[in-house]
């Protein structure tokens, strides 16, 4: 089991959840603007970091 790939998957899922949360609150207009901006930026960082960890981690046979 590759720890980097697992951590990348977790980060990607957290990023997706944060982006969905931000999107829903923007559509419903039910959140503070500053909070939504911060959550959206953090979610994007998590998402793109997770995707790059998954993509750049090489599988090595042991």
PDB file of N, CA and C in Angstrom:
ATOM      1  N   UNK A   1       0.846  -1.184   0.000  1.00  0.00           N
ATOM      2  CA  UNK A   1       0.000   0.000   0.000  1.00  0.00           C
ATOM      3  C   UNK A   1       0.889   1.245   0.000  1.00  0.00           C
ATOM      4  N   UNK A   2       0.621   2.143  -0.877  1.00  0.00           N
ATOM      5  CA  UNK A   2       1.442   3.333  -1.010  1.00  0.00           C
ATOM      6  C   UNK A   2       0.836   4.463  -0.175  1.00  0.00           C
ATOM      7  N   UNK A   3       1.585   4.923   0.821  1.00  0.00           N
ATOM      8  CA  UNK A   3       1.085   5.930   1.751  1.00  0.00           C
ATOM      9  C   UNK A   3       0.840   7.272   1.064  1.00  0.00           C
ATOM     10  N   UNK A   4       1.721   7.651   0.138  1.00  0.00           N
ATOM     11  CA  UNK A   4       1.541   8.922  -0.566  1.00  0.00           C
ATOM     12  C   UNK A   4       0.273   8.919  -1.407  1.00  0.00           C
ATOM     13  N   UNK A   5       0.022   7.806  -2.078  1.00  0.00           N
ATOM     14  CA  UNK A   5      -1.166   7.710  -2.924  1.00  0.00           C
ATOM     15  C   UNK A   5      -2.441   7.722  -2.071  1.00  0.00           C
ATOM     16  N   UNK A   6      -2.405   7.063  -0.920  1.00  0.00           N
ATOM     17  CA  UNK A   6      -3.555   7.071  -0.009  1.00  0.00           C
ATOM     18  C   UNK A   6      -3.810   8.474   0.528  1.00  0.00           C
ATOM     19  N   UNK A   7      -2.757   9.162   0.931  1.00  0.00           N
ATOM     20  CA  UNK A   7      -2.894  10.530   1.422  1.00  0.00           C
ATOM     21  C   UNK A   7      -3.395  11.449   0.317  1.00  0.00           C
ATOM     22  N   UNK A   8      -2.938  11.229  -0.909  1.00  0.00           N
ATOM     23  CA  UNK A   8      -3.414  12.010  -2.050  1.00  0.00           C
ATOM     24  C   UNK A   8      -4.900  11.802  -2.288  1.00  0.00           C
ATOM     25  N   UNK A   9      -5.361  10.564  -2.137  1.00  0.00           N
ATOM     26  CA  UNK A   9      -6.785  10.268  -2.296  1.00  0.00           C
ATOM     27  C   UNK A   9      -7.614  10.969  -1.230  1.00  0.00           C
ATOM     28  N   UNK A  10      -7.131  10.952   0.007  1.00  0.00           N
ATOM     29  CA  UNK A  10      -7.844  11.622   1.099  1.00  0.00           C
ATOM     30  C   UNK A  10      -7.909  13.123   0.848  1.00  0.00           C
ATOM     31  N   UNK A  11      -6.799  13.713   0.440  1.00  0.00           N
ATOM     32  CA  UNK A  11      -6.786  15.154   0.153  1.00  0.00           C
ATOM     33  C   UNK A  11      -7.723  15.507  -0.993  1.00  0.00           C
ATOM     34  N   UNK A  12      -7.741  14.667  -2.011  1.00  0.00           N
ATOM     35  CA  UNK A  12      -8.621  14.910  -3.154  1.00  0.00           C
ATOM     36  C   UNK A  12     -10.085  14.862  -2.728  1.00  0.00           C
ATOM     37  N   UNK A  13     -10.443  13.876  -1.928  1.00  0.00           N
ATOM     38  CA  UNK A  13     -11.834  13.763  -1.457  1.00  0.00           C
ATOM     39  C   UNK A  13     -12.222  14.939  -0.563  1.00  0.00           C
ATOM     40  N   UNK A  14     -11.310  15.367   0.306  1.00  0.00           N
ATOM     41  CA  UNK A  14     -11.594  16.546   1.133  1.00  0.00           C
ATOM     42  C   UNK A  14     -11.759  17.800   0.280  1.00  0.00           C
ATOM     43  N   UNK A  15     -10.940  17.915  -0.756  1.00  0.00           N
ATOM     44  CA  UNK A  15     -11.056  19.052  -1.658  1.00  0.00           C
ATOM     45  C   UNK A  15     -12.377  19.063  -2.398  1.00  0.00           C
ATOM     46  N   UNK A  16     -12.807  17.889  -2.872  1.00  0.00           N
ATOM     47  CA  UNK A  16     -14.090  17.799  -3.565  1.00  0.00           C
ATOM     48  C   UNK A  16     -15.230  18.169  -2.622  1.00  0.00           C
ATOM     49  N   UNK A  17     -15.178  17.661  -1.393  1.00  0.00           N
ATOM     50  CA  UNK A  17     -16.225  17.976  -0.412  1.00  0.00           C
ATOM     51  C   UNK A  17     -16.262  19.475  -0.116  1.00  0.00           C
ATOM     52  N   UNK A  18     -15.098  20.091   0.015  1.00  0.00           N
ATOM     53  CA  UNK A  18     -15.047  21.528   0.280  1.00  0.00           C
ATOM     54  C   UNK A  18     -15.566  22.352  -0.883  1.00  0.00           C
ATOM     55  N   UNK A  19     -15.254  21.922  -2.100  1.00  0.00           N
ATOM     56  CA  UNK A  19     -15.745  22.634  -3.278  1.00  0.00           C
ATOM     57  C   UNK A  19     -17.256  22.493  -3.420  1.00  0.00           C
ATOM     58  N   UNK A  20     -17.782  21.321  -3.124  1.00  0.00           N
ATOM     59  CA  UNK A  20     -19.235  21.124  -3.172  1.00  0.00           C
ATOM     60  C   UNK A  20     -19.911  21.986  -2.106  1.00  0.00           C
ATOM     61  N   UNK A  21     -19.354  22.008  -0.899  1.00  0.00           N
ATOM     62  CA  UNK A  21     -19.901  22.829   0.182  1.00  0.00           C
ATOM     63  C   UNK A  21     -19.918  24.302  -0.213  1.00  0.00           C
ATOM     64  N   UNK A  22     -18.813  24.774  -0.763  1.00  0.00           N
ATOM     65  CA  UNK A  22     -18.713  26.171  -1.177  1.00  0.00           C
ATOM     66  C   UNK A  22     -19.709  26.482  -2.290  1.00  0.00           C
ATOM     67  N   UNK A  23     -19.789  25.598  -3.266  1.00  0.00           N
ATOM     68  CA  UNK A  23     -20.714  25.809  -4.373  1.00  0.00           C
ATOM     69  C   UNK A  23     -22.161  25.853  -3.930  1.00  0.00           C
ATOM     70  N   UNK A  24     -22.539  24.935  -3.047  1.00  0.00           N
ATOM     71  CA  UNK A  24     -23.917  24.928  -2.557  1.00  0.00           C
ATOM     72  C   UNK A  24     -24.252  26.196  -1.769  1.00  0.00           C
ATOM     73  N   UNK A  25     -23.319  26.639  -0.950  1.00  0.00           N
ATOM     74  CA  UNK A  25     -23.579  27.849  -0.172  1.00  0.00           C
ATOM     75  C   UNK A  25     -23.605  29.104  -1.046  1.00  0.00           C
ATOM     76  N   UNK A  26     -22.843  29.113  -2.125  1.00  0.00           N
ATOM     77  CA  UNK A  26     -22.898  30.255  -3.042  1.00  0.00           C
ATOM     78  C   UNK A  26     -24.248  30.277  -3.752  1.00  0.00           C
ATOM     79  N   UNK A  27     -24.719  29.106  -4.190  1.00  0.00           N
ATOM     80  CA  UNK A  27     -26.004  29.031  -4.887  1.00  0.00           C
ATOM     81  C   UNK A  27     -27.152  29.421  -3.966  1.00  0.00           C
ATOM     82  N   UNK A  28     -27.099  28.950  -2.707  1.00  0.00           N
ATOM     83  CA  UNK A  28     -28.172  29.228  -1.752  1.00  0.00           C
ATOM     84  C   UNK A  28     -28.043  30.606  -1.107  1.00  0.00           C
ATOM     85  N   UNK A  29     -26.895  31.257  -1.313  1.00  0.00           N
ATOM     86  CA  UNK A  29     -26.608  32.563  -0.704  1.00  0.00           C
ATOM     87  C   UNK A  29     -26.799  32.516   0.811  1.00  0.00           C
ATOM     88  N   UNK A  30     -26.230  31.458   1.418  1.00  0.00           N
ATOM     89  CA  UNK A  30     -26.447  31.259   2.846  1.00  0.00           C
ATOM     90  C   UNK A  30     -25.146  31.267   3.643  1.00  0.00           C
ATOM     91  N   UNK A  31     -24.146  31.982   3.191  1.00  0.00           N
ATOM     92  CA  UNK A  31     -22.896  32.015   3.929  1.00  0.00           C
ATOM     93  C   UNK A  31     -22.240  33.373   3.831  1.00  0.00           C
ATOM     94  N   UNK A  32     -21.353  33.619   4.788  1.00  0.00           N
ATOM     95  CA  UNK A  32     -20.561  34.843   4.748  1.00  0.00           C
ATOM     96  C   UNK A  32     -19.595  34.770   3.561  1.00  0.00           C
ATOM     97  N   UNK A  33     -19.420  35.866   2.899  1.00  0.00           N
ATOM     98  CA  UNK A  33     -18.557  35.897   1.714  1.00  0.00           C
ATOM     99  C   UNK A  33     -17.128  35.526   2.061  1.00  0.00           C
ATOM    100  N   UNK A  34     -16.607  36.077   3.142  1.00  0.00           N
ATOM    101  CA  UNK A  34     -15.219  35.807   3.529  1.00  0.00           C
ATOM    102  C   UNK A  34     -15.014  34.329   3.839  1.00  0.00           C
ATOM    103  N   UNK A  35     -15.953  33.735   4.552  1.00  0.00           N
ATOM    104  CA  UNK A  35     -15.854  32.320   4.903  1.00  0.00           C
ATOM    105  C   UNK A  35     -15.874  31.452   3.661  1.00  0.00           C
ATOM    106  N   UNK A  36     -16.758  31.765   2.727  1.00  0.00           N
ATOM    107  CA  UNK A  36     -16.849  30.967   1.510  1.00  0.00           C
ATOM    108  C   UNK A  36     -15.587  31.079   0.659  1.00  0.00           C
ATOM    109  N   UNK A  37     -14.991  32.265   0.616  1.00  0.00           N
ATOM    110  CA  UNK A  37     -13.754  32.443  -0.145  1.00  0.00           C
ATOM    111  C   UNK A  37     -12.626  31.621   0.472  1.00  0.00           C
ATOM    112  N   UNK A  38     -12.500  31.671   1.794  1.00  0.00           N
ATOM    113  CA  UNK A  38     -11.431  30.932   2.471  1.00  0.00           C
ATOM    114  C   UNK A  38     -11.619  29.424   2.312  1.00  0.00           C
ATOM    115  N   UNK A  39     -12.842  28.941   2.513  1.00  0.00           N
ATOM    116  CA  UNK A  39     -13.109  27.505   2.364  1.00  0.00           C
ATOM    117  C   UNK A  39     -12.867  27.072   0.927  1.00  0.00           C
ATOM    118  N   UNK A  40     -13.277  27.880  -0.032  1.00  0.00           N
ATOM    119  CA  UNK A  40     -13.066  27.543  -1.435  1.00  0.00           C
ATOM    120  C   UNK A  40     -11.597  27.470  -1.801  1.00  0.00           C
ATOM    121  N   UNK A  41     -10.793  28.406  -1.311  1.00  0.00           N
ATOM    122  CA  UNK A  41      -9.360  28.406  -1.607  1.00  0.00           C
ATOM    123  C   UNK A  41      -8.681  27.200  -0.972  1.00  0.00           C
ATOM    124  N   UNK A  42      -9.012  26.900   0.291  1.00  0.00           N
ATOM    125  CA  UNK A  42      -8.427  25.741   0.962  1.00  0.00           C
ATOM    126  C   UNK A  42      -8.840  24.451   0.256  1.00  0.00           C
ATOM    127  N   UNK A  43     -10.095  24.381  -0.180  1.00  0.00           N
ATOM    128  CA  UNK A  43     -10.565  23.187  -0.888  1.00  0.00           C
ATOM    129  C   UNK A  43      -9.823  23.013  -2.210  1.00  0.00           C
ATOM    130  N   UNK A  44      -9.590  24.110  -2.922  1.00  0.00           N
ATOM    131  CA  UNK A  44      -8.837  24.012  -4.176  1.00  0.00           C
ATOM    132  C   UNK A  44      -7.403  23.559  -3.924  1.00  0.00           C
ATOM    133  N   UNK A  45      -6.782  24.060  -2.861  1.00  0.00           N
ATOM    134  CA  UNK A  45      -5.423  23.635  -2.526  1.00  0.00           C
ATOM    135  C   UNK A  45      -5.399  22.142  -2.225  1.00  0.00           C
ATOM    136  N   UNK A  46      -6.342  21.668  -1.403  1.00  0.00           N
ATOM    137  CA  UNK A  46      -6.415  20.240  -1.086  1.00  0.00           C
ATOM    138  C   UNK A  46      -6.616  19.417  -2.347  1.00  0.00           C
ATOM    139  N   UNK A  47      -7.542  19.850  -3.194  1.00  0.00           N
ATOM    140  CA  UNK A  47      -7.867  19.092  -4.397  1.00  0.00           C
ATOM    141  C   UNK A  47      -6.662  18.967  -5.317  1.00  0.00           C
ATOM    142  N   UNK A  48      -6.037  20.081  -5.655  1.00  0.00           N
ATOM    143  CA  UNK A  48      -4.925  20.044  -6.599  1.00  0.00           C
ATOM    144  C   UNK A  48      -3.691  19.367  -6.006  1.00  0.00           C
ATOM    145  N   UNK A  49      -3.466  19.507  -4.701  1.00  0.00           N
ATOM    146  CA  UNK A  49      -2.354  18.804  -4.060  1.00  0.00           C
ATOM    147  C   UNK A  49      -2.583  17.300  -4.082  1.00  0.00           C
ATOM    148  N   UNK A  50      -3.812  16.881  -3.787  1.00  0.00           N
ATOM    149  CA  UNK A  50      -4.129  15.460  -3.811  1.00  0.00           C
ATOM    150  C   UNK A  50      -3.990  14.862  -5.194  1.00  0.00           C
ATOM    151  N   UNK A  51      -4.475  15.572  -6.205  1.00  0.00           N
ATOM    152  CA  UNK A  51      -4.370  15.075  -7.577  1.00  0.00           C
ATOM    153  C   UNK A  51      -2.908  14.960  -7.995  1.00  0.00           C
ATOM    154  N   UNK A  52      -2.089  15.938  -7.641  1.00  0.00           N
ATOM    155  CA  UNK A  52      -0.682  15.872  -8.029  1.00  0.00           C
ATOM    156  C   UNK A  52       0.046  14.767  -7.275  1.00  0.00           C
ATOM    157  N   UNK A  53      -0.324  14.503  -6.024  1.00  0.00           N
ATOM    158  CA  UNK A  53       0.288  13.385  -5.300  1.00  0.00           C
ATOM    159  C   UNK A  53      -0.061  12.054  -5.957  1.00  0.00           C
ATOM    160  N   UNK A  54      -1.310  11.901  -6.352  1.00  0.00           N
ATOM    161  CA  UNK A  54      -1.725  10.660  -7.000  1.00  0.00           C
ATOM    162  C   UNK A  54      -1.019  10.494  -8.342  1.00  0.00           C
ATOM    163  N   UNK A  55      -0.945  11.562  -9.117  1.00  0.00           N
ATOM    164  CA  UNK A  55      -0.375  11.476 -10.457  1.00  0.00           C
ATOM    165  C   UNK A  55       1.139  11.276 -10.435  1.00  0.00           C
ATOM    166  N   UNK A  56       1.833  11.913  -9.506  1.00  0.00           N
ATOM    167  CA  UNK A  56       3.304  11.882  -9.519  1.00  0.00           C
ATOM    168  C   UNK A  56       3.913  10.754  -8.695  1.00  0.00           C
ATOM    169  N   UNK A  57       3.112   9.982  -8.014  1.00  0.00           N
ATOM    170  CA  UNK A  57       3.642   8.878  -7.224  1.00  0.00           C
ATOM    171  C   UNK A  57       3.743   7.641  -8.108  1.00  0.00           C
ATOM    172  N   UNK A  58       4.951   7.124  -8.214  1.00  0.00           N
ATOM    173  CA  UNK A  58       5.188   5.949  -9.067  1.00  0.00           C
ATOM    174  C   UNK A  58       4.921   4.671  -8.284  1.00  0.00           C
ATOM    175  N   UNK A  59       4.324   3.708  -8.943  1.00  0.00           N
ATOM    176  CA  UNK A  59       4.114   2.393  -8.335  1.00  0.00           C
ATOM    177  C   UNK A  59       5.398   1.582  -8.488  1.00  0.00           C
ATOM    178  N   UNK A  60       5.859   1.052  -7.365  1.00  0.00           N
ATOM    179  CA  UNK A  60       7.070   0.236  -7.391  1.00  0.00           C
ATOM    180  C   UNK A  60       6.737  -1.151  -6.876  1.00  0.00           C
ATOM    181  N   UNK A  61       7.096  -2.147  -7.631  1.00  0.00           N
ATOM    182  CA  UNK A  61       6.878  -3.524  -7.197  1.00  0.00           C
ATOM    183  C   UNK A  61       7.962  -3.902  -6.200  1.00  0.00           C
ATOM    184  N   UNK A  62       7.542  -4.519  -5.123  1.00  0.00           N
ATOM    185  CA  UNK A  62       8.505  -4.898  -4.074  1.00  0.00           C
ATOM    186  C   UNK A  62       8.763  -6.371  -4.124  1.00  0.00           C
TER     187      UNK A  62
END
